[in-house]
């Protein structure tokens, strides 16, 4: 009986087994930009045949970011237009990017994934305030004639935004802006049927890149106010 009691007391005095501490979760940071292609880089990789044919293009890159910050194992999608060399050009441009790599607990690792839209655009002449107003006039006059045309409405929107962005620093009264725009629309309406001004109207159309509307809508937040 005494020995049984002693065994029970020894078991009661024995320390409870230690519970293993839960491992701390790793701290992971995603890749970030260090260097992006310059205009010169884009021109260097732009397909020469596409430049000669005045063709612009768009490709999306899908790449892995290495521990050294380079892009690797790149694939592409959404080539537009297809067969013009823009896939090969985009893959060439991928060598120019430099990233801050993904890290785990402060250590750079390979494995970050990134999707990069690449747009190849041809150089365009700078748009003066005078030209923007003139082009707005044509777009507005044509929109009155053909209100169902999405292309004309897109051009009207684009030029009106360009004009507003240029006038922001001058802080004109809304009535002054409306008067100037109405005047330009009236002048342009009188010229629409005159063949002498077809080249001028064509110049306005050539100013806008294919993705102008989407680019403007995306970048409006960056306009200083």
C-alpha atoms as a PDB file:
ATOM      1  CA  UNK A   1       0.000   0.000   0.000  1.00  0.00           C
ATOM      2  CA  UNK A   2       2.837   2.377   0.854  1.00  0.00           C
ATOM      3  CA  UNK A   3       4.594   1.660  -2.428  1.00  0.00           C
ATOM      4  CA  UNK A   4       1.411   2.345  -4.415  1.00  0.00           C
ATOM      5  CA  UNK A   5       0.958   5.682  -2.629  1.00  0.00           C
ATOM      6  CA  UNK A   6       4.575   6.630  -3.331  1.00  0.00           C
ATOM      7  CA  UNK A   7       4.106   5.855  -7.062  1.00  0.00           C
ATOM      8  CA  UNK A   8       1.011   8.052  -7.183  1.00  0.00           C
ATOM      9  CA  UNK A   9       2.869  10.930  -5.528  1.00  0.00           C
ATOM     10  CA  UNK A  10       5.782  10.592  -7.943  1.00  0.00           C
ATOM     11  CA  UNK A  11       3.422  10.747 -10.941  1.00  0.00           C
ATOM     12  CA  UNK A  12       1.741  13.828  -9.525  1.00  0.00           C
ATOM     13  CA  UNK A  13       5.090  15.555  -9.041  1.00  0.00           C
ATOM     14  CA  UNK A  14       6.331  14.750 -12.551  1.00  0.00           C
ATOM     15  CA  UNK A  15       6.388  17.839 -14.844  1.00  0.00           C
ATOM     16  CA  UNK A  16       3.885  17.961 -17.675  1.00  0.00           C
ATOM     17  CA  UNK A  17       5.421  17.300 -21.105  1.00  0.00           C
ATOM     18  CA  UNK A  18       6.434  20.520 -22.917  1.00  0.00           C
ATOM     19  CA  UNK A  19       4.080  21.673 -25.693  1.00  0.00           C
ATOM     20  CA  UNK A  20       5.946  22.570 -28.868  1.00  0.00           C
ATOM     21  CA  UNK A  21       5.584  26.267 -29.774  1.00  0.00           C
ATOM     22  CA  UNK A  22       3.700  26.920 -33.022  1.00  0.00           C
ATOM     23  CA  UNK A  23       6.094  27.937 -35.794  1.00  0.00           C
ATOM     24  CA  UNK A  24       6.002  31.629 -36.653  1.00  0.00           C
ATOM     25  CA  UNK A  25       4.540  32.366 -40.091  1.00  0.00           C
ATOM     26  CA  UNK A  26       7.047  33.510 -42.697  1.00  0.00           C
ATOM     27  CA  UNK A  27       6.988  37.132 -43.755  1.00  0.00           C
ATOM     28  CA  UNK A  28       6.722  37.283 -47.540  1.00  0.00           C
ATOM     29  CA  UNK A  29       7.085  40.438 -49.655  1.00  0.00           C
ATOM     30  CA  UNK A  30       6.001  40.594 -53.287  1.00  0.00           C
ATOM     31  CA  UNK A  31       8.168  41.768 -56.196  1.00  0.00           C
ATOM     32  CA  UNK A  32       8.367  45.477 -56.945  1.00  0.00           C
ATOM     33  CA  UNK A  33       9.744  47.584 -59.799  1.00  0.00           C
ATOM     34  CA  UNK A  34      13.346  48.748 -59.970  1.00  0.00           C
ATOM     35  CA  UNK A  35      13.730  49.438 -63.695  1.00  0.00           C
ATOM     36  CA  UNK A  36      11.271  49.602 -66.579  1.00  0.00           C
ATOM     37  CA  UNK A  37      12.017  49.901 -70.307  1.00  0.00           C
ATOM     38  CA  UNK A  38      12.693  53.391 -71.630  1.00  0.00           C
ATOM     39  CA  UNK A  39      11.357  54.776 -74.910  1.00  0.00           C
ATOM     40  CA  UNK A  40      14.721  53.905 -76.459  1.00  0.00           C
ATOM     41  CA  UNK A  41      14.410  50.302 -75.258  1.00  0.00           C
ATOM     42  CA  UNK A  42      10.919  49.989 -76.742  1.00  0.00           C
ATOM     43  CA  UNK A  43      12.131  51.427 -80.051  1.00  0.00           C
ATOM     44  CA  UNK A  44      15.049  48.964 -80.104  1.00  0.00           C
ATOM     45  CA  UNK A  45      12.759  45.927 -79.855  1.00  0.00           C
ATOM     46  CA  UNK A  46       9.852  47.304 -81.941  1.00  0.00           C
ATOM     47  CA  UNK A  47       9.375  44.965 -84.973  1.00  0.00           C
ATOM     48  CA  UNK A  48      10.914  46.754 -87.942  1.00  0.00           C
ATOM     49  CA  UNK A  49       8.267  45.497 -90.367  1.00  0.00           C
ATOM     50  CA  UNK A  50       5.519  46.812 -88.085  1.00  0.00           C
ATOM     51  CA  UNK A  51       7.214  50.218 -87.898  1.00  0.00           C
ATOM     52  CA  UNK A  52       7.411  50.366 -91.703  1.00  0.00           C
ATOM     53  CA  UNK A  53       3.737  49.436 -91.986  1.00  0.00           C
ATOM     54  CA  UNK A  54       2.715  51.895 -89.225  1.00  0.00           C
ATOM     55  CA  UNK A  55       1.268  49.063 -87.108  1.00  0.00           C
ATOM     56  CA  UNK A  56       0.988  49.331 -83.334  1.00  0.00           C
ATOM     57  CA  UNK A  57       0.573  46.345 -81.037  1.00  0.00           C
ATOM     58  CA  UNK A  58      -0.191  45.022 -77.590  1.00  0.00           C
ATOM     59  CA  UNK A  59       1.002  41.896 -75.731  1.00  0.00           C
ATOM     60  CA  UNK A  60       0.697  40.717 -72.112  1.00  0.00           C
ATOM     61  CA  UNK A  61       3.788  39.122 -70.534  1.00  0.00           C
ATOM     62  CA  UNK A  62       3.473  36.503 -67.809  1.00  0.00           C
ATOM     63  CA  UNK A  63       6.805  35.970 -66.028  1.00  0.00           C
ATOM     64  CA  UNK A  64       8.509  34.571 -62.955  1.00  0.00           C
ATOM     65  CA  UNK A  65      10.741  36.936 -60.981  1.00  0.00           C
ATOM     66  CA  UNK A  66      14.061  35.356 -60.007  1.00  0.00           C
ATOM     67  CA  UNK A  67      15.939  35.930 -56.761  1.00  0.00           C
ATOM     68  CA  UNK A  68      18.275  38.213 -58.739  1.00  0.00           C
ATOM     69  CA  UNK A  69      15.338  40.408 -59.845  1.00  0.00           C
ATOM     70  CA  UNK A  70      15.275  39.273 -63.476  1.00  0.00           C
ATOM     71  CA  UNK A  71      12.258  38.022 -65.440  1.00  0.00           C
ATOM     72  CA  UNK A  72      12.351  34.356 -66.405  1.00  0.00           C
ATOM     73  CA  UNK A  73      10.130  31.704 -68.017  1.00  0.00           C
ATOM     74  CA  UNK A  74       8.045  34.380 -69.719  1.00  0.00           C
ATOM     75  CA  UNK A  75       5.000  33.471 -71.759  1.00  0.00           C
ATOM     76  CA  UNK A  76       2.620  35.783 -73.607  1.00  0.00           C
ATOM     77  CA  UNK A  77      -1.082  36.243 -74.276  1.00  0.00           C
ATOM     78  CA  UNK A  78      -3.478  38.737 -75.899  1.00  0.00           C
ATOM     79  CA  UNK A  79      -1.210  39.456 -78.891  1.00  0.00           C
ATOM     80  CA  UNK A  80      -2.917  42.152 -80.963  1.00  0.00           C
ATOM     81  CA  UNK A  81      -2.617  42.171 -83.904  1.00  0.00           C
ATOM     82  CA  UNK A  82      -1.299  38.617 -84.278  1.00  0.00           C
ATOM     83  CA  UNK A  83       1.545  37.652 -86.578  1.00  0.00           C
ATOM     84  CA  UNK A  84       3.295  41.041 -86.594  1.00  0.00           C
ATOM     85  CA  UNK A  85       6.268  40.124 -84.383  1.00  0.00           C
ATOM     86  CA  UNK A  86       4.988  41.705 -81.183  1.00  0.00           C
ATOM     87  CA  UNK A  87       5.325  38.476 -79.153  1.00  0.00           C
ATOM     88  CA  UNK A  88       9.021  38.230 -79.982  1.00  0.00           C
ATOM     89  CA  UNK A  89       9.427  41.949 -79.300  1.00  0.00           C
ATOM     90  CA  UNK A  90       7.754  41.687 -75.893  1.00  0.00           C
ATOM     91  CA  UNK A  91       9.945  38.728 -74.933  1.00  0.00           C
ATOM     92  CA  UNK A  92      12.967  40.808 -75.937  1.00  0.00           C
ATOM     93  CA  UNK A  93      11.775  43.726 -73.826  1.00  0.00           C
ATOM     94  CA  UNK A  94      11.458  41.367 -70.829  1.00  0.00           C
ATOM     95  CA  UNK A  95      15.250  41.300 -70.556  1.00  0.00           C
ATOM     96  CA  UNK A  96      15.282  45.028 -69.753  1.00  0.00           C
ATOM     97  CA  UNK A  97      13.049  44.880 -66.671  1.00  0.00           C
ATOM     98  CA  UNK A  98      14.651  44.752 -63.242  1.00  0.00           C
ATOM     99  CA  UNK A  99      12.637  43.870 -60.167  1.00  0.00           C
ATOM    100  CA  UNK A 100      13.054  43.887 -56.425  1.00  0.00           C
ATOM    101  CA  UNK A 101      12.513  40.129 -55.931  1.00  0.00           C
ATOM    102  CA  UNK A 102      10.073  38.350 -53.698  1.00  0.00           C
ATOM    103  CA  UNK A 103      11.511  37.740 -50.230  1.00  0.00           C
ATOM    104  CA  UNK A 104      10.743  35.293 -47.452  1.00  0.00           C
ATOM    105  CA  UNK A 105      11.881  36.449 -44.018  1.00  0.00           C
ATOM    106  CA  UNK A 106      14.109  39.011 -45.700  1.00  0.00           C
ATOM    107  CA  UNK A 107      15.819  36.520 -48.031  1.00  0.00           C
ATOM    108  CA  UNK A 108      15.348  36.979 -51.832  1.00  0.00           C
ATOM    109  CA  UNK A 109      13.713  33.977 -53.463  1.00  0.00           C
ATOM    110  CA  UNK A 110      12.664  32.949 -56.947  1.00  0.00           C
ATOM    111  CA  UNK A 111       8.982  32.444 -57.543  1.00  0.00           C
ATOM    112  CA  UNK A 112       7.182  35.777 -57.680  1.00  0.00           C
ATOM    113  CA  UNK A 113       4.701  35.953 -60.575  1.00  0.00           C
ATOM    114  CA  UNK A 114       3.964  39.091 -62.557  1.00  0.00           C
ATOM    115  CA  UNK A 115       1.744  40.041 -65.516  1.00  0.00           C
ATOM    116  CA  UNK A 116       2.933  43.006 -67.605  1.00  0.00           C
ATOM    117  CA  UNK A 117       0.871  44.629 -70.410  1.00  0.00           C
ATOM    118  CA  UNK A 118       3.281  45.801 -73.122  1.00  0.00           C
ATOM    119  CA  UNK A 119       2.072  48.353 -75.681  1.00  0.00           C
ATOM    120  CA  UNK A 120       4.150  49.181 -78.738  1.00  0.00           C
ATOM    121  CA  UNK A 121       3.149  52.639 -79.966  1.00  0.00           C
ATOM    122  CA  UNK A 122       4.560  54.782 -82.745  1.00  0.00           C
ATOM    123  CA  UNK A 123       5.795  58.317 -81.989  1.00  0.00           C
ATOM    124  CA  UNK A 124       3.146  60.996 -82.344  1.00  0.00           C
ATOM    125  CA  UNK A 125       3.411  64.740 -82.772  1.00  0.00           C
ATOM    126  CA  UNK A 126       2.943  66.862 -79.684  1.00  0.00           C
ATOM    127  CA  UNK A 127      -0.582  68.215 -79.454  1.00  0.00           C
ATOM    128  CA  UNK A 128      -0.749  71.970 -78.984  1.00  0.00           C
ATOM    129  CA  UNK A 129      -3.663  73.616 -77.219  1.00  0.00           C
ATOM    130  CA  UNK A 130      -4.721  75.137 -80.539  1.00  0.00           C
ATOM    131  CA  UNK A 131      -4.714  71.744 -82.256  1.00  0.00           C
ATOM    132  CA  UNK A 132      -6.644  70.154 -79.379  1.00  0.00           C
ATOM    133  CA  UNK A 133      -9.351  72.810 -79.696  1.00  0.00           C
ATOM    134  CA  UNK A 134      -9.513  72.460 -83.475  1.00  0.00           C
ATOM    135  CA  UNK A 135      -9.768  68.664 -83.232  1.00  0.00           C
ATOM    136  CA  UNK A 136     -12.417  68.927 -80.532  1.00  0.00           C
ATOM    137  CA  UNK A 137     -14.436  71.125 -82.901  1.00  0.00           C
ATOM    138  CA  UNK A 138     -14.356  68.498 -85.663  1.00  0.00           C
ATOM    139  CA  UNK A 139     -15.226  65.679 -83.260  1.00  0.00           C
ATOM    140  CA  UNK A 140     -18.113  67.679 -81.773  1.00  0.00           C
ATOM    141  CA  UNK A 141     -19.482  68.664 -85.183  1.00  0.00           C
ATOM    142  CA  UNK A 142     -19.299  65.075 -86.435  1.00  0.00           C
ATOM    143  CA  UNK A 143     -20.884  63.798 -83.214  1.00  0.00           C
ATOM    144  CA  UNK A 144     -23.884  66.071 -83.850  1.00  0.00           C
ATOM    145  CA  UNK A 145     -24.257  64.595 -87.322  1.00  0.00           C
ATOM    146  CA  UNK A 146     -23.748  60.994 -86.268  1.00  0.00           C
ATOM    147  CA  UNK A 147     -24.554  60.634 -82.563  1.00  0.00           C
ATOM    148  CA  UNK A 148     -24.672  56.829 -82.776  1.00  0.00           C
ATOM    149  CA  UNK A 149     -21.022  56.430 -83.806  1.00  0.00           C
ATOM    150  CA  UNK A 150     -18.952  55.030 -80.925  1.00  0.00           C
ATOM    151  CA  UNK A 151     -15.703  56.066 -82.641  1.00  0.00           C
ATOM    152  CA  UNK A 152     -16.791  59.691 -82.988  1.00  0.00           C
ATOM    153  CA  UNK A 153     -18.068  59.823 -79.426  1.00  0.00           C
ATOM    154  CA  UNK A 154     -14.754  58.361 -78.221  1.00  0.00           C
ATOM    155  CA  UNK A 155     -12.820  61.024 -80.118  1.00  0.00           C
ATOM    156  CA  UNK A 156     -15.032  63.761 -78.718  1.00  0.00           C
ATOM    157  CA  UNK A 157     -14.477  62.499 -75.184  1.00  0.00           C
ATOM    158  CA  UNK A 158     -10.718  62.226 -75.674  1.00  0.00           C
ATOM    159  CA  UNK A 159     -10.211  65.732 -77.041  1.00  0.00           C
ATOM    160  CA  UNK A 160     -12.483  67.269 -74.421  1.00  0.00           C
ATOM    161  CA  UNK A 161     -10.416  65.603 -71.684  1.00  0.00           C
ATOM    162  CA  UNK A 162      -7.176  66.784 -73.274  1.00  0.00           C
ATOM    163  CA  UNK A 163      -8.470  70.342 -73.375  1.00  0.00           C
ATOM    164  CA  UNK A 164      -9.676  70.219 -69.774  1.00  0.00           C
ATOM    165  CA  UNK A 165      -6.297  68.884 -68.637  1.00  0.00           C
ATOM    166  CA  UNK A 166      -4.516  71.748 -70.401  1.00  0.00           C
ATOM    167  CA  UNK A 167      -6.842  74.358 -68.901  1.00  0.00           C
ATOM    168  CA  UNK A 168      -6.642  73.110 -65.309  1.00  0.00           C
ATOM    169  CA  UNK A 169      -3.690  75.319 -64.410  1.00  0.00           C
ATOM    170  CA  UNK A 170      -5.442  78.427 -65.808  1.00  0.00           C
ATOM    171  CA  UNK A 171      -8.654  77.871 -63.804  1.00  0.00           C
ATOM    172  CA  UNK A 172     -11.043  79.362 -66.388  1.00  0.00           C
ATOM    173  CA  UNK A 173     -14.699  79.883 -65.559  1.00  0.00           C
ATOM    174  CA  UNK A 174     -16.978  77.091 -66.878  1.00  0.00           C
ATOM    175  CA  UNK A 175     -18.838  79.656 -68.988  1.00  0.00           C
ATOM    176  CA  UNK A 176     -15.584  80.688 -70.689  1.00  0.00           C
ATOM    177  CA  UNK A 177     -14.721  77.084 -71.524  1.00  0.00           C
ATOM    178  CA  UNK A 178     -18.212  76.409 -72.850  1.00  0.00           C
ATOM    179  CA  UNK A 179     -18.061  79.526 -75.049  1.00  0.00           C
ATOM    180  CA  UNK A 180     -14.706  78.549 -76.579  1.00  0.00           C
ATOM    181  CA  UNK A 181     -15.805  74.973 -77.238  1.00  0.00           C
ATOM    182  CA  UNK A 182     -19.083  76.100 -78.805  1.00  0.00           C
ATOM    183  CA  UNK A 183     -17.164  78.473 -81.048  1.00  0.00           C
ATOM    184  CA  UNK A 184     -14.811  75.708 -82.212  1.00  0.00           C
ATOM    185  CA  UNK A 185     -17.735  73.393 -82.886  1.00  0.00           C
ATOM    186  CA  UNK A 186     -19.446  76.062 -85.015  1.00  0.00           C
ATOM    187  CA  UNK A 187     -16.275  76.755 -87.017  1.00  0.00           C
ATOM    188  CA  UNK A 188     -15.695  73.048 -87.640  1.00  0.00           C
ATOM    189  CA  UNK A 189     -19.307  72.418 -88.674  1.00  0.00           C
ATOM    190  CA  UNK A 190     -18.899  74.903 -91.492  1.00  0.00           C
ATOM    191  CA  UNK A 191     -15.837  72.996 -92.751  1.00  0.00           C
ATOM    192  CA  UNK A 192     -17.034  69.392 -92.597  1.00  0.00           C
ATOM    193  CA  UNK A 193     -18.184  69.251 -96.232  1.00  0.00           C
ATOM    194  CA  UNK A 194     -15.220  71.191 -97.629  1.00  0.00           C
ATOM    195  CA  UNK A 195     -12.633  68.799 -99.200  1.00  0.00           C
ATOM    196  CA  UNK A 196      -9.861  71.292 -98.389  1.00  0.00           C
ATOM    197  CA  UNK A 197     -10.122  70.369 -94.708  1.00  0.00           C
ATOM    198  CA  UNK A 198     -10.129  66.573 -95.060  1.00  0.00           C
ATOM    199  CA  UNK A 199      -6.380  66.409 -94.401  1.00  0.00           C
ATOM    200  CA  UNK A 200      -6.808  68.542 -91.287  1.00  0.00           C
ATOM    201  CA  UNK A 201      -9.492  66.205 -89.993  1.00  0.00           C
ATOM    202  CA  UNK A 202      -7.330  63.189 -90.820  1.00  0.00           C
ATOM    203  CA  UNK A 203      -4.513  64.737 -88.819  1.00  0.00           C
ATOM    204  CA  UNK A 204      -6.814  64.878 -85.803  1.00  0.00           C
ATOM    205  CA  UNK A 205      -7.636  61.187 -86.163  1.00  0.00           C
ATOM    206  CA  UNK A 206      -3.952  60.252 -86.453  1.00  0.00           C
ATOM    207  CA  UNK A 207      -3.138  62.001 -83.175  1.00  0.00           C
ATOM    208  CA  UNK A 208      -5.069  59.452 -81.138  1.00  0.00           C
ATOM    209  CA  UNK A 209      -3.365  56.102 -80.474  1.00  0.00           C
ATOM    210  CA  UNK A 210      -5.585  52.996 -80.568  1.00  0.00           C
ATOM    211  CA  UNK A 211      -5.777  52.784 -76.764  1.00  0.00           C
ATOM    212  CA  UNK A 212      -6.195  56.527 -76.148  1.00  0.00           C
ATOM    213  CA  UNK A 213      -9.578  56.271 -74.470  1.00  0.00           C
ATOM    214  CA  UNK A 214      -8.585  53.505 -72.054  1.00  0.00           C
ATOM    215  CA  UNK A 215      -5.261  55.198 -71.306  1.00  0.00           C
ATOM    216  CA  UNK A 216      -6.934  58.525 -70.556  1.00  0.00           C
ATOM    217  CA  UNK A 217      -9.551  56.990 -68.306  1.00  0.00           C
ATOM    218  CA  UNK A 218      -6.841  55.086 -66.421  1.00  0.00           C
ATOM    219  CA  UNK A 219      -4.556  58.091 -66.033  1.00  0.00           C
ATOM    220  CA  UNK A 220      -7.100  60.839 -65.251  1.00  0.00           C
ATOM    221  CA  UNK A 221      -6.336  60.485 -61.547  1.00  0.00           C
ATOM    222  CA  UNK A 222      -2.749  61.570 -62.170  1.00  0.00           C
ATOM    223  CA  UNK A 223      -3.707  64.931 -63.698  1.00  0.00           C
ATOM    224  CA  UNK A 224      -2.680  67.732 -61.249  1.00  0.00           C
ATOM    225  CA  UNK A 225      -5.627  69.695 -59.885  1.00  0.00           C
END
